[in-house]
N, C-alpha and C. Protein backbone atom coordinates (compact mmCIF):
# COMPACT_ATOMS: atom_id res chain seq x y z
N MET A 1 -30.82 -19.25 -7.47
CA MET A 1 -30.02 -18.69 -6.38
C MET A 1 -30.93 -18.26 -5.24
N ARG A 2 -30.54 -18.66 -4.03
CA ARG A 2 -31.35 -18.30 -2.87
C ARG A 2 -31.08 -16.86 -2.47
N ARG A 3 -32.09 -16.25 -1.87
CA ARG A 3 -31.90 -14.90 -1.36
C ARG A 3 -31.12 -14.94 -0.06
N ARG A 4 -30.34 -13.90 0.18
CA ARG A 4 -29.62 -13.81 1.44
C ARG A 4 -30.61 -13.46 2.54
N HIS A 5 -30.53 -14.18 3.65
CA HIS A 5 -31.46 -13.98 4.76
C HIS A 5 -30.79 -13.23 5.88
N THR A 6 -31.55 -12.40 6.56
CA THR A 6 -31.06 -11.68 7.73
C THR A 6 -32.02 -11.88 8.88
N GLY A 7 -31.60 -11.44 10.06
CA GLY A 7 -32.47 -11.52 11.23
C GLY A 7 -32.71 -12.95 11.69
N TRP A 8 -31.65 -13.75 11.71
CA TRP A 8 -31.80 -15.17 12.06
C TRP A 8 -32.41 -15.37 13.44
N ALA A 9 -31.84 -14.71 14.41
CA ALA A 9 -32.29 -14.94 15.79
C ALA A 9 -33.74 -14.54 15.95
N VAL A 10 -34.13 -13.41 15.35
CA VAL A 10 -35.51 -12.96 15.46
C VAL A 10 -36.45 -13.96 14.79
N GLY A 11 -36.05 -14.44 13.61
CA GLY A 11 -36.90 -15.39 12.89
C GLY A 11 -37.06 -16.68 13.64
N ALA A 12 -35.97 -17.20 14.20
CA ALA A 12 -36.05 -18.46 14.94
C ALA A 12 -36.93 -18.31 16.17
N ALA A 13 -36.79 -17.20 16.87
CA ALA A 13 -37.61 -16.98 18.07
C ALA A 13 -39.09 -16.90 17.71
N ALA A 14 -39.38 -16.21 16.62
CA ALA A 14 -40.78 -16.08 16.20
C ALA A 14 -41.36 -17.43 15.83
N ALA A 15 -40.56 -18.26 15.13
CA ALA A 15 -41.04 -19.59 14.74
C ALA A 15 -41.37 -20.43 15.96
N LEU A 16 -40.52 -20.34 16.99
CA LEU A 16 -40.76 -21.13 18.19
C LEU A 16 -41.98 -20.64 18.94
N LEU A 17 -42.21 -19.33 18.94
CA LEU A 17 -43.38 -18.80 19.61
C LEU A 17 -44.66 -19.28 18.93
N VAL A 18 -44.66 -19.25 17.60
CA VAL A 18 -45.83 -19.72 16.87
C VAL A 18 -46.04 -21.20 17.10
N THR A 19 -44.94 -21.96 17.05
CA THR A 19 -45.03 -23.40 17.28
C THR A 19 -45.56 -23.70 18.67
N GLY A 20 -45.05 -23.00 19.67
CA GLY A 20 -45.46 -23.26 21.04
C GLY A 20 -46.95 -23.10 21.23
N GLY A 21 -47.54 -22.14 20.55
CA GLY A 21 -48.96 -21.91 20.70
C GLY A 21 -49.81 -23.00 20.09
N ALA A 22 -49.22 -23.77 19.14
CA ALA A 22 -50.00 -24.79 18.45
C ALA A 22 -49.71 -26.20 18.93
N ILE A 23 -48.69 -26.36 19.76
CA ILE A 23 -48.24 -27.70 20.16
C ILE A 23 -49.34 -28.52 20.81
N ALA A 24 -49.95 -28.00 21.86
CA ALA A 24 -50.94 -28.77 22.61
C ALA A 24 -52.11 -29.17 21.73
N TYR A 25 -52.63 -28.22 20.95
CA TYR A 25 -53.77 -28.50 20.10
C TYR A 25 -53.44 -29.60 19.11
N THR A 26 -52.30 -29.47 18.42
CA THR A 26 -51.94 -30.42 17.39
C THR A 26 -51.75 -31.81 17.96
N ALA A 27 -51.00 -31.91 19.05
CA ALA A 27 -50.70 -33.23 19.61
C ALA A 27 -51.95 -33.92 20.12
N VAL A 28 -52.85 -33.19 20.76
CA VAL A 28 -54.07 -33.79 21.29
C VAL A 28 -54.99 -34.20 20.15
N GLU A 29 -55.18 -33.30 19.16
CA GLU A 29 -56.08 -33.59 18.06
C GLU A 29 -55.59 -34.78 17.25
N ASP A 30 -54.29 -34.82 16.96
CA ASP A 30 -53.78 -35.82 16.04
C ASP A 30 -53.36 -37.12 16.71
N SER A 31 -53.30 -37.15 18.00
CA SER A 31 -52.91 -38.40 18.66
C SER A 31 -54.13 -39.29 18.93
N GLY A 32 -55.31 -38.83 18.53
CA GLY A 32 -56.47 -39.70 18.63
C GLY A 32 -57.41 -39.39 19.76
N GLY A 33 -57.17 -38.33 20.51
CA GLY A 33 -58.10 -37.94 21.56
C GLY A 33 -57.84 -38.65 22.86
N PRO A 34 -58.75 -38.51 23.83
CA PRO A 34 -58.55 -39.03 25.18
C PRO A 34 -58.36 -40.54 25.27
N SER A 35 -58.89 -41.30 24.31
CA SER A 35 -58.80 -42.76 24.42
C SER A 35 -57.42 -43.29 24.03
N THR A 36 -56.61 -42.48 23.39
CA THR A 36 -55.29 -42.92 22.97
C THR A 36 -54.32 -42.90 24.15
N ARG A 37 -53.53 -43.96 24.28
CA ARG A 37 -52.58 -44.04 25.38
C ARG A 37 -51.51 -42.98 25.22
N THR A 38 -51.22 -42.26 26.29
CA THR A 38 -50.15 -41.27 26.26
C THR A 38 -48.81 -41.99 26.23
N PRO A 39 -47.92 -41.60 25.33
CA PRO A 39 -46.61 -42.26 25.25
C PRO A 39 -45.86 -42.17 26.58
N ASP A 40 -45.22 -43.28 26.97
CA ASP A 40 -44.42 -43.24 28.20
C ASP A 40 -42.96 -42.99 27.84
N THR A 41 -42.14 -42.86 28.86
CA THR A 41 -40.76 -42.42 28.64
C THR A 41 -39.93 -43.41 27.82
N ARG A 42 -40.32 -44.69 27.80
CA ARG A 42 -39.56 -45.69 27.05
C ARG A 42 -40.14 -45.94 25.65
N SER A 43 -41.18 -45.22 25.30
CA SER A 43 -41.82 -45.44 24.00
C SER A 43 -40.97 -44.90 22.86
N ALA A 44 -41.24 -45.39 21.67
CA ALA A 44 -40.56 -44.87 20.49
C ALA A 44 -40.89 -43.40 20.28
N ASP A 45 -42.13 -43.03 20.60
CA ASP A 45 -42.54 -41.63 20.42
C ASP A 45 -41.70 -40.69 21.28
N ALA A 46 -41.54 -41.02 22.54
CA ALA A 46 -40.75 -40.18 23.44
C ALA A 46 -39.27 -40.24 23.09
N GLY A 47 -38.78 -41.45 22.78
CA GLY A 47 -37.38 -41.60 22.43
C GLY A 47 -37.00 -40.80 21.20
N PHE A 48 -37.84 -40.87 20.19
CA PHE A 48 -37.56 -40.12 18.96
C PHE A 48 -37.58 -38.62 19.24
N ALA A 49 -38.59 -38.14 19.95
CA ALA A 49 -38.69 -36.71 20.24
C ALA A 49 -37.47 -36.23 21.01
N ARG A 50 -37.03 -37.00 22.00
CA ARG A 50 -35.85 -36.62 22.79
C ARG A 50 -34.60 -36.59 21.94
N ASP A 51 -34.36 -37.69 21.22
CA ASP A 51 -33.12 -37.82 20.46
C ASP A 51 -33.06 -36.85 19.28
N MET A 52 -34.18 -36.70 18.58
CA MET A 52 -34.16 -35.81 17.43
C MET A 52 -34.05 -34.34 17.85
N ALA A 53 -34.56 -34.01 19.02
CA ALA A 53 -34.40 -32.64 19.52
C ALA A 53 -32.91 -32.33 19.71
N VAL A 54 -32.16 -33.29 20.24
CA VAL A 54 -30.71 -33.12 20.41
C VAL A 54 -30.02 -33.06 19.05
N HIS A 55 -30.42 -33.95 18.17
CA HIS A 55 -29.84 -34.02 16.82
C HIS A 55 -30.07 -32.69 16.09
N HIS A 56 -31.30 -32.18 16.16
CA HIS A 56 -31.63 -30.92 15.51
C HIS A 56 -30.84 -29.75 16.09
N GLN A 57 -30.63 -29.77 17.39
CA GLN A 57 -29.92 -28.65 18.01
C GLN A 57 -28.53 -28.49 17.42
N GLN A 58 -27.87 -29.61 17.12
CA GLN A 58 -26.54 -29.50 16.53
C GLN A 58 -26.61 -28.95 15.11
N ALA A 59 -27.64 -29.32 14.36
CA ALA A 59 -27.79 -28.79 13.00
C ALA A 59 -27.97 -27.28 13.04
N VAL A 60 -28.74 -26.81 14.01
CA VAL A 60 -28.93 -25.37 14.17
C VAL A 60 -27.59 -24.71 14.52
N GLU A 61 -26.84 -25.34 15.43
CA GLU A 61 -25.54 -24.79 15.83
C GLU A 61 -24.59 -24.69 14.65
N MET A 62 -24.50 -25.75 13.84
CA MET A 62 -23.60 -25.72 12.69
C MET A 62 -24.02 -24.66 11.69
N SER A 63 -25.33 -24.48 11.54
CA SER A 63 -25.82 -23.49 10.59
C SER A 63 -25.50 -22.07 11.04
N TYR A 64 -25.53 -21.83 12.33
CA TYR A 64 -25.15 -20.51 12.83
C TYR A 64 -23.64 -20.29 12.71
N ILE A 65 -22.87 -21.35 12.83
CA ILE A 65 -21.42 -21.22 12.66
C ILE A 65 -21.10 -20.80 11.23
N ILE A 66 -21.68 -21.50 10.24
CA ILE A 66 -21.34 -21.20 8.86
C ILE A 66 -21.85 -19.82 8.46
N ARG A 67 -22.90 -19.36 9.07
CA ARG A 67 -23.38 -18.01 8.79
C ARG A 67 -22.28 -16.98 8.97
N ASP A 68 -21.44 -17.20 9.97
CA ASP A 68 -20.38 -16.24 10.30
C ASP A 68 -19.05 -16.56 9.62
N ARG A 69 -19.01 -17.67 8.84
CA ARG A 69 -17.73 -18.07 8.24
C ARG A 69 -17.71 -17.95 6.73
N THR A 70 -18.83 -17.54 6.12
CA THR A 70 -18.87 -17.38 4.67
C THR A 70 -19.82 -16.26 4.29
N GLU A 71 -19.58 -15.69 3.12
CA GLU A 71 -20.49 -14.69 2.56
C GLU A 71 -21.26 -15.26 1.37
N ASN A 72 -21.08 -16.54 1.07
CA ASN A 72 -21.75 -17.15 -0.07
C ASN A 72 -23.26 -17.21 0.17
N ARG A 73 -24.03 -16.60 -0.73
CA ARG A 73 -25.47 -16.48 -0.53
C ARG A 73 -26.18 -17.84 -0.56
N GLU A 74 -25.72 -18.74 -1.44
CA GLU A 74 -26.37 -20.04 -1.55
C GLU A 74 -26.19 -20.86 -0.28
N VAL A 75 -24.98 -20.90 0.25
CA VAL A 75 -24.71 -21.66 1.47
C VAL A 75 -25.43 -21.02 2.66
N ARG A 76 -25.37 -19.70 2.75
CA ARG A 76 -26.06 -19.02 3.84
C ARG A 76 -27.58 -19.22 3.76
N GLY A 77 -28.11 -19.25 2.54
CA GLY A 77 -29.54 -19.48 2.38
C GLY A 77 -29.94 -20.88 2.83
N LEU A 78 -29.15 -21.89 2.44
CA LEU A 78 -29.41 -23.25 2.89
C LEU A 78 -29.32 -23.35 4.40
N ALA A 79 -28.26 -22.76 4.97
CA ALA A 79 -28.08 -22.81 6.42
C ALA A 79 -29.25 -22.14 7.14
N TYR A 80 -29.72 -21.03 6.61
CA TYR A 80 -30.87 -20.34 7.21
C TYR A 80 -32.09 -21.25 7.20
N ASP A 81 -32.36 -21.90 6.06
CA ASP A 81 -33.52 -22.78 5.96
C ASP A 81 -33.43 -23.93 6.96
N ILE A 82 -32.24 -24.53 7.06
CA ILE A 82 -32.05 -25.65 7.99
C ILE A 82 -32.24 -25.18 9.43
N ALA A 83 -31.64 -24.05 9.78
CA ALA A 83 -31.75 -23.55 11.16
C ALA A 83 -33.20 -23.24 11.52
N GLN A 84 -33.92 -22.57 10.62
CA GLN A 84 -35.31 -22.21 10.90
C GLN A 84 -36.19 -23.46 11.03
N THR A 85 -36.06 -24.36 10.07
CA THR A 85 -36.89 -25.56 10.07
C THR A 85 -36.63 -26.43 11.28
N GLN A 86 -35.36 -26.65 11.58
CA GLN A 86 -35.06 -27.59 12.66
C GLN A 86 -35.27 -26.97 14.04
N ALA A 87 -35.12 -25.66 14.18
CA ALA A 87 -35.47 -25.02 15.45
C ALA A 87 -36.98 -25.13 15.69
N ASN A 88 -37.75 -24.94 14.63
CA ASN A 88 -39.21 -25.06 14.72
C ASN A 88 -39.61 -26.48 15.12
N GLN A 89 -39.06 -27.47 14.43
CA GLN A 89 -39.38 -28.87 14.72
C GLN A 89 -38.93 -29.26 16.12
N ARG A 90 -37.79 -28.76 16.53
CA ARG A 90 -37.29 -29.06 17.88
C ARG A 90 -38.27 -28.54 18.93
N GLY A 91 -38.80 -27.33 18.71
CA GLY A 91 -39.79 -26.79 19.63
C GLY A 91 -41.02 -27.67 19.72
N MET A 92 -41.47 -28.20 18.58
CA MET A 92 -42.62 -29.09 18.58
C MET A 92 -42.35 -30.34 19.41
N MET A 93 -41.20 -30.96 19.20
CA MET A 93 -40.89 -32.21 19.88
C MET A 93 -40.73 -32.02 21.39
N LEU A 94 -40.09 -30.94 21.79
CA LEU A 94 -39.96 -30.66 23.23
C LEU A 94 -41.34 -30.36 23.83
N GLY A 95 -42.20 -29.70 23.05
CA GLY A 95 -43.55 -29.44 23.52
C GLY A 95 -44.35 -30.71 23.72
N TRP A 96 -44.18 -31.67 22.81
CA TRP A 96 -44.87 -32.94 22.97
C TRP A 96 -44.41 -33.66 24.23
N LEU A 97 -43.12 -33.63 24.50
CA LEU A 97 -42.62 -34.28 25.71
C LEU A 97 -43.24 -33.66 26.95
N ASP A 98 -43.37 -32.34 26.95
CA ASP A 98 -44.05 -31.66 28.07
C ASP A 98 -45.50 -32.11 28.17
N LEU A 99 -46.17 -32.16 27.04
CA LEU A 99 -47.58 -32.54 27.01
C LEU A 99 -47.79 -33.96 27.53
N TRP A 100 -46.87 -34.85 27.17
CA TRP A 100 -46.98 -36.24 27.60
C TRP A 100 -46.51 -36.46 29.03
N GLY A 101 -45.86 -35.47 29.61
CA GLY A 101 -45.38 -35.59 30.98
C GLY A 101 -44.20 -36.53 31.12
N VAL A 102 -43.36 -36.60 30.10
CA VAL A 102 -42.17 -37.46 30.17
C VAL A 102 -40.93 -36.57 30.16
N PRO A 103 -39.84 -37.04 30.76
CA PRO A 103 -38.63 -36.20 30.86
C PRO A 103 -37.99 -35.96 29.50
N LYS A 104 -37.35 -34.80 29.39
CA LYS A 104 -36.63 -34.45 28.16
C LYS A 104 -35.26 -35.11 28.11
N VAL A 105 -34.80 -35.62 29.23
CA VAL A 105 -33.51 -36.31 29.30
C VAL A 105 -33.76 -37.69 29.90
N SER A 106 -33.13 -38.70 29.33
CA SER A 106 -33.33 -40.07 29.79
C SER A 106 -32.01 -40.69 30.18
N ALA A 107 -32.08 -41.62 31.15
CA ALA A 107 -30.87 -42.36 31.54
C ALA A 107 -30.51 -43.41 30.49
N GLU A 108 -31.46 -43.72 29.60
CA GLU A 108 -31.20 -44.70 28.54
C GLU A 108 -30.26 -44.09 27.49
N PRO A 109 -29.38 -44.89 26.91
CA PRO A 109 -28.50 -44.38 25.85
C PRO A 109 -29.32 -43.88 24.67
N PRO A 110 -28.80 -42.92 23.91
CA PRO A 110 -29.51 -42.44 22.73
C PRO A 110 -29.87 -43.58 21.78
N MET A 111 -31.04 -43.49 21.18
CA MET A 111 -31.54 -44.43 20.19
C MET A 111 -31.83 -45.83 20.74
N SER A 112 -32.00 -45.91 22.07
CA SER A 112 -32.41 -47.19 22.66
C SER A 112 -33.77 -47.61 22.13
N TRP A 113 -34.62 -46.63 21.83
CA TRP A 113 -35.95 -46.91 21.29
C TRP A 113 -35.89 -47.58 19.92
N MET A 114 -34.73 -47.48 19.24
CA MET A 114 -34.54 -48.15 17.96
C MET A 114 -33.79 -49.46 18.12
N GLY A 115 -33.50 -49.84 19.38
CA GLY A 115 -32.78 -51.07 19.63
C GLY A 115 -31.29 -50.95 19.40
N MET A 116 -30.78 -49.70 19.35
CA MET A 116 -29.35 -49.50 19.10
C MET A 116 -28.57 -49.25 20.38
N GLY A 117 -29.10 -48.45 21.28
CA GLY A 117 -28.48 -48.23 22.57
C GLY A 117 -27.05 -47.76 22.48
N ASP A 118 -26.16 -48.43 23.23
CA ASP A 118 -24.76 -48.03 23.31
C ASP A 118 -24.08 -48.04 21.94
N ALA A 119 -24.57 -48.87 21.03
CA ALA A 119 -23.96 -48.96 19.70
C ALA A 119 -24.10 -47.65 18.93
N ALA A 120 -25.06 -46.81 19.33
CA ALA A 120 -25.30 -45.55 18.62
C ALA A 120 -24.36 -44.45 19.07
N THR A 121 -23.80 -44.58 20.25
CA THR A 121 -22.99 -43.51 20.81
C THR A 121 -21.56 -43.55 20.27
N GLY A 122 -21.14 -42.46 19.65
CA GLY A 122 -19.80 -42.38 19.11
C GLY A 122 -18.83 -41.75 20.10
N LYS A 123 -17.79 -41.14 19.58
CA LYS A 123 -16.76 -40.55 20.42
C LYS A 123 -16.68 -39.05 20.19
N ASP A 124 -16.04 -38.36 21.11
CA ASP A 124 -15.75 -36.94 20.97
C ASP A 124 -17.00 -36.11 20.77
N GLY A 125 -18.05 -36.45 21.53
CA GLY A 125 -19.26 -35.64 21.52
C GLY A 125 -20.28 -36.01 20.47
N ALA A 126 -20.00 -36.99 19.61
CA ALA A 126 -20.97 -37.42 18.61
C ALA A 126 -21.93 -38.42 19.26
N LEU A 127 -23.06 -37.92 19.74
CA LEU A 127 -23.97 -38.75 20.54
C LEU A 127 -24.75 -39.76 19.71
N MET A 128 -24.96 -39.46 18.42
CA MET A 128 -25.75 -40.33 17.55
C MET A 128 -25.12 -40.37 16.17
N PRO A 129 -25.45 -41.41 15.38
CA PRO A 129 -24.90 -41.50 14.02
C PRO A 129 -25.15 -40.23 13.22
N GLY A 130 -24.12 -39.79 12.52
CA GLY A 130 -24.24 -38.60 11.68
C GLY A 130 -23.87 -37.32 12.38
N MET A 131 -23.86 -37.31 13.71
CA MET A 131 -23.56 -36.09 14.43
C MET A 131 -22.08 -35.74 14.34
N ALA A 132 -21.79 -34.46 14.27
CA ALA A 132 -20.41 -33.99 14.24
C ALA A 132 -19.76 -34.14 15.61
N THR A 133 -18.46 -34.30 15.62
CA THR A 133 -17.71 -34.38 16.87
C THR A 133 -17.33 -32.97 17.33
N HIS A 134 -16.84 -32.88 18.54
CA HIS A 134 -16.34 -31.58 19.03
C HIS A 134 -15.20 -31.09 18.14
N THR A 135 -14.35 -32.03 17.71
CA THR A 135 -13.24 -31.67 16.84
C THR A 135 -13.74 -31.11 15.50
N ASP A 136 -14.78 -31.74 14.96
CA ASP A 136 -15.38 -31.25 13.71
C ASP A 136 -15.88 -29.82 13.86
N LEU A 137 -16.59 -29.55 14.96
CA LEU A 137 -17.15 -28.23 15.17
C LEU A 137 -16.06 -27.18 15.38
N ASP A 138 -15.00 -27.56 16.10
CA ASP A 138 -13.89 -26.63 16.30
C ASP A 138 -13.22 -26.31 14.97
N LYS A 139 -13.09 -27.32 14.11
CA LYS A 139 -12.48 -27.09 12.80
C LYS A 139 -13.35 -26.17 11.96
N LEU A 140 -14.67 -26.39 11.99
CA LEU A 140 -15.59 -25.54 11.22
C LEU A 140 -15.46 -24.08 11.67
N ARG A 141 -15.33 -23.88 12.97
CA ARG A 141 -15.19 -22.51 13.49
C ARG A 141 -13.88 -21.87 13.06
N SER A 142 -12.88 -22.69 12.76
CA SER A 142 -11.55 -22.16 12.42
C SER A 142 -11.40 -21.82 10.95
N LEU A 143 -12.32 -22.30 10.11
CA LEU A 143 -12.22 -22.10 8.67
C LEU A 143 -13.06 -20.92 8.21
N SER A 144 -12.85 -20.53 6.97
CA SER A 144 -13.68 -19.47 6.39
C SER A 144 -13.76 -19.68 4.89
N GLY A 145 -14.71 -19.00 4.27
CA GLY A 145 -14.84 -19.06 2.83
C GLY A 145 -15.15 -20.45 2.30
N LYS A 146 -14.53 -20.80 1.16
CA LYS A 146 -14.80 -22.07 0.48
C LYS A 146 -14.51 -23.27 1.37
N GLN A 147 -13.43 -23.22 2.14
CA GLN A 147 -13.09 -24.35 3.01
C GLN A 147 -14.17 -24.59 4.05
N ALA A 148 -14.68 -23.52 4.63
CA ALA A 148 -15.76 -23.65 5.61
C ALA A 148 -17.02 -24.17 4.96
N GLU A 149 -17.31 -23.71 3.76
CA GLU A 149 -18.50 -24.16 3.04
C GLU A 149 -18.45 -25.66 2.78
N ILE A 150 -17.29 -26.14 2.32
CA ILE A 150 -17.15 -27.56 2.04
C ILE A 150 -17.34 -28.39 3.30
N LEU A 151 -16.67 -28.00 4.38
CA LEU A 151 -16.80 -28.78 5.61
C LEU A 151 -18.23 -28.75 6.14
N TYR A 152 -18.87 -27.59 6.09
CA TYR A 152 -20.27 -27.51 6.54
C TYR A 152 -21.15 -28.44 5.72
N LEU A 153 -21.01 -28.42 4.41
CA LEU A 153 -21.83 -29.26 3.54
C LEU A 153 -21.56 -30.74 3.79
N GLN A 154 -20.31 -31.09 4.04
CA GLN A 154 -19.97 -32.49 4.34
C GLN A 154 -20.55 -32.92 5.68
N LEU A 155 -20.37 -32.08 6.70
CA LEU A 155 -20.90 -32.42 8.02
C LEU A 155 -22.41 -32.48 8.01
N MET A 156 -23.06 -31.55 7.32
CA MET A 156 -24.52 -31.53 7.31
C MET A 156 -25.09 -32.68 6.49
N THR A 157 -24.38 -33.09 5.45
CA THR A 157 -24.83 -34.26 4.69
C THR A 157 -24.83 -35.50 5.58
N ALA A 158 -23.74 -35.71 6.31
CA ALA A 158 -23.66 -36.85 7.23
C ALA A 158 -24.73 -36.73 8.31
N HIS A 159 -24.94 -35.51 8.79
CA HIS A 159 -25.93 -35.25 9.83
C HIS A 159 -27.32 -35.60 9.33
N HIS A 160 -27.65 -35.17 8.12
CA HIS A 160 -28.95 -35.47 7.53
C HIS A 160 -29.14 -36.97 7.33
N LYS A 161 -28.10 -37.66 6.90
CA LYS A 161 -28.22 -39.11 6.70
C LYS A 161 -28.56 -39.81 8.00
N GLY A 162 -27.91 -39.39 9.09
CA GLY A 162 -28.25 -39.94 10.40
C GLY A 162 -29.66 -39.58 10.81
N GLY A 163 -30.07 -38.36 10.51
CA GLY A 163 -31.43 -37.93 10.84
C GLY A 163 -32.48 -38.69 10.07
N VAL A 164 -32.23 -38.95 8.79
CA VAL A 164 -33.17 -39.71 7.96
C VAL A 164 -33.34 -41.11 8.53
N HIS A 165 -32.24 -41.74 8.93
CA HIS A 165 -32.31 -43.08 9.51
C HIS A 165 -33.19 -43.08 10.77
N MET A 166 -32.99 -42.10 11.61
CA MET A 166 -33.78 -42.02 12.84
C MET A 166 -35.25 -41.73 12.55
N ALA A 167 -35.51 -40.81 11.61
CA ALA A 167 -36.88 -40.47 11.27
C ALA A 167 -37.61 -41.66 10.66
N GLU A 168 -36.91 -42.44 9.85
CA GLU A 168 -37.52 -43.65 9.29
C GLU A 168 -37.90 -44.63 10.39
N GLY A 169 -37.08 -44.67 11.46
CA GLY A 169 -37.40 -45.52 12.59
C GLY A 169 -38.68 -45.09 13.28
N CYS A 170 -38.90 -43.78 13.37
CA CYS A 170 -40.13 -43.28 13.98
C CYS A 170 -41.33 -43.57 13.08
N VAL A 171 -41.18 -43.39 11.78
CA VAL A 171 -42.28 -43.69 10.86
C VAL A 171 -42.73 -45.13 11.04
N ALA A 172 -41.77 -46.02 11.28
CA ALA A 172 -42.08 -47.44 11.41
C ALA A 172 -42.63 -47.82 12.78
N THR A 173 -42.24 -47.10 13.84
CA THR A 173 -42.58 -47.58 15.19
C THR A 173 -43.34 -46.60 16.08
N CYS A 174 -43.32 -45.31 15.76
CA CYS A 174 -44.07 -44.36 16.59
C CYS A 174 -45.57 -44.58 16.44
N GLU A 175 -46.35 -44.16 17.44
CA GLU A 175 -47.79 -44.37 17.42
C GLU A 175 -48.59 -43.08 17.27
N VAL A 176 -48.02 -41.95 17.66
CA VAL A 176 -48.73 -40.67 17.54
C VAL A 176 -48.69 -40.22 16.08
N GLU A 177 -49.85 -40.09 15.48
CA GLU A 177 -49.91 -39.81 14.05
C GLU A 177 -49.23 -38.50 13.67
N ALA A 178 -49.40 -37.46 14.49
CA ALA A 178 -48.76 -36.17 14.19
C ALA A 178 -47.24 -36.32 14.16
N GLU A 179 -46.71 -37.13 15.05
CA GLU A 179 -45.27 -37.32 15.11
C GLU A 179 -44.78 -38.16 13.93
N LYS A 180 -45.55 -39.17 13.55
CA LYS A 180 -45.20 -39.98 12.39
C LYS A 180 -45.18 -39.13 11.12
N ARG A 181 -46.15 -38.21 11.00
CA ARG A 181 -46.18 -37.34 9.83
C ARG A 181 -44.99 -36.37 9.84
N LEU A 182 -44.66 -35.86 11.02
CA LEU A 182 -43.49 -34.99 11.12
C LEU A 182 -42.24 -35.75 10.70
N ALA A 183 -42.09 -36.98 11.18
CA ALA A 183 -40.92 -37.79 10.85
C ALA A 183 -40.85 -38.06 9.34
N GLN A 184 -41.99 -38.37 8.72
CA GLN A 184 -42.00 -38.61 7.29
C GLN A 184 -41.62 -37.36 6.52
N GLY A 185 -42.08 -36.22 6.99
CA GLY A 185 -41.69 -34.96 6.37
C GLY A 185 -40.20 -34.71 6.48
N MET A 186 -39.60 -35.08 7.62
CA MET A 186 -38.15 -34.95 7.78
C MET A 186 -37.41 -35.82 6.77
N VAL A 187 -37.88 -37.05 6.59
CA VAL A 187 -37.24 -37.96 5.63
C VAL A 187 -37.22 -37.33 4.24
N GLU A 188 -38.36 -36.84 3.81
CA GLU A 188 -38.46 -36.29 2.45
C GLU A 188 -37.64 -35.02 2.29
N ALA A 189 -37.75 -34.11 3.27
CA ALA A 189 -37.03 -32.83 3.16
C ALA A 189 -35.52 -33.02 3.24
N GLN A 190 -35.08 -33.88 4.15
CA GLN A 190 -33.63 -34.05 4.32
C GLN A 190 -33.01 -34.82 3.17
N ARG A 191 -33.75 -35.76 2.58
CA ARG A 191 -33.23 -36.44 1.39
C ARG A 191 -33.06 -35.42 0.25
N SER A 192 -34.01 -34.52 0.11
CA SER A 192 -33.92 -33.49 -0.91
C SER A 192 -32.71 -32.59 -0.68
N GLU A 193 -32.47 -32.22 0.60
CA GLU A 193 -31.33 -31.37 0.91
C GLU A 193 -30.01 -32.11 0.74
N ILE A 194 -30.00 -33.42 0.96
CA ILE A 194 -28.78 -34.21 0.73
C ILE A 194 -28.41 -34.13 -0.76
N GLU A 195 -29.40 -34.24 -1.63
CA GLU A 195 -29.13 -34.13 -3.07
C GLU A 195 -28.63 -32.73 -3.43
N LEU A 196 -29.27 -31.72 -2.84
CA LEU A 196 -28.85 -30.34 -3.09
C LEU A 196 -27.41 -30.13 -2.66
N MET A 197 -27.06 -30.63 -1.48
CA MET A 197 -25.70 -30.44 -0.96
C MET A 197 -24.67 -31.21 -1.77
N ALA A 198 -25.06 -32.36 -2.33
CA ALA A 198 -24.14 -33.11 -3.20
C ALA A 198 -23.76 -32.26 -4.41
N GLY A 199 -24.74 -31.57 -4.97
CA GLY A 199 -24.46 -30.69 -6.09
C GLY A 199 -23.59 -29.51 -5.70
N MET A 200 -23.85 -28.95 -4.53
CA MET A 200 -23.06 -27.81 -4.05
C MET A 200 -21.62 -28.22 -3.78
N LEU A 201 -21.43 -29.42 -3.27
CA LEU A 201 -20.07 -29.92 -3.04
C LEU A 201 -19.35 -30.15 -4.37
N LYS A 202 -20.07 -30.71 -5.33
CA LYS A 202 -19.46 -30.96 -6.65
C LYS A 202 -18.99 -29.66 -7.27
N GLU A 203 -19.79 -28.62 -7.13
CA GLU A 203 -19.41 -27.31 -7.66
C GLU A 203 -18.10 -26.80 -7.03
N ARG A 204 -17.82 -27.26 -5.81
CA ARG A 204 -16.63 -26.82 -5.10
C ARG A 204 -15.49 -27.85 -5.18
N GLY A 205 -15.65 -28.83 -6.07
CA GLY A 205 -14.61 -29.84 -6.26
C GLY A 205 -14.45 -30.79 -5.09
N ALA A 206 -15.53 -31.02 -4.36
CA ALA A 206 -15.48 -31.88 -3.18
C ALA A 206 -16.61 -32.91 -3.23
N GLN A 207 -16.55 -33.86 -2.30
CA GLN A 207 -17.54 -34.92 -2.22
C GLN A 207 -18.00 -35.07 -0.78
N PRO A 208 -19.20 -35.68 -0.58
CA PRO A 208 -19.63 -35.99 0.79
C PRO A 208 -18.63 -36.90 1.48
N ILE A 209 -18.59 -36.84 2.78
CA ILE A 209 -17.74 -37.74 3.56
C ILE A 209 -18.41 -39.12 3.58
N SER A 210 -17.68 -40.15 3.21
CA SER A 210 -18.28 -41.49 3.17
C SER A 210 -18.44 -42.07 4.56
C-alpha cells in the first residue's frame, strides 16, 4: 500500500527548480559537447520534447483532478507519483528546447517528427494518441469515489500507451543521448505503471479502455 502524499504543489515546484538548475549541464554534457550538431526545430529531438511536454501536462492535470475526487490512498499515491515524475520530465524537455534555441510551439502538426502528422490529431482536444478529450476530462471532474478512480485509471492507461509509443519513437530516432535515455526510462516506467493500473482496475471490476 502506498503512503498518502501531501503538499503536491510544493513538491512539484521544488522538483522543477532542481531540474532547472541541472538542465543546461546535463544536456551539454550528454549531447556530446561542442562538436555535436544542435537539434533544429524539425528534428526528432525537438519534436519529441515539444510533443511529450504537452502530453505530460495532461497527465499532470488528470492526476490533480483525481486527487480531489477520491480519498483512496493507492490511487492518490499513484497519481502523486505520476504528477511529480511527469512535471519533472516536462521541465527537462522545455529546458532542452530553450538550450537548443528552438520554439516550444511549432506550426507542424503533433508527431510530424514520427511521420504521423495530421493522422495523429484526434477530436475534442485529444492532440495525440492516448490523450483524453475535453469530454473525458469534464466527466472525470464530475465523478467521485470508485467511479472517478476507474475512469482515471482507464484514461491514464490509454495515455501511457500513447506516451510509450512516442517515447519508443524517440529512442529509435533522437540523437541527443540524454534525451534517448530519458525516453527509454519513460518506456520502462510507463509500461510498469500500465501493469499496475490493470491490476487496480481488476480490483474494481473494470478493464482498460480498448
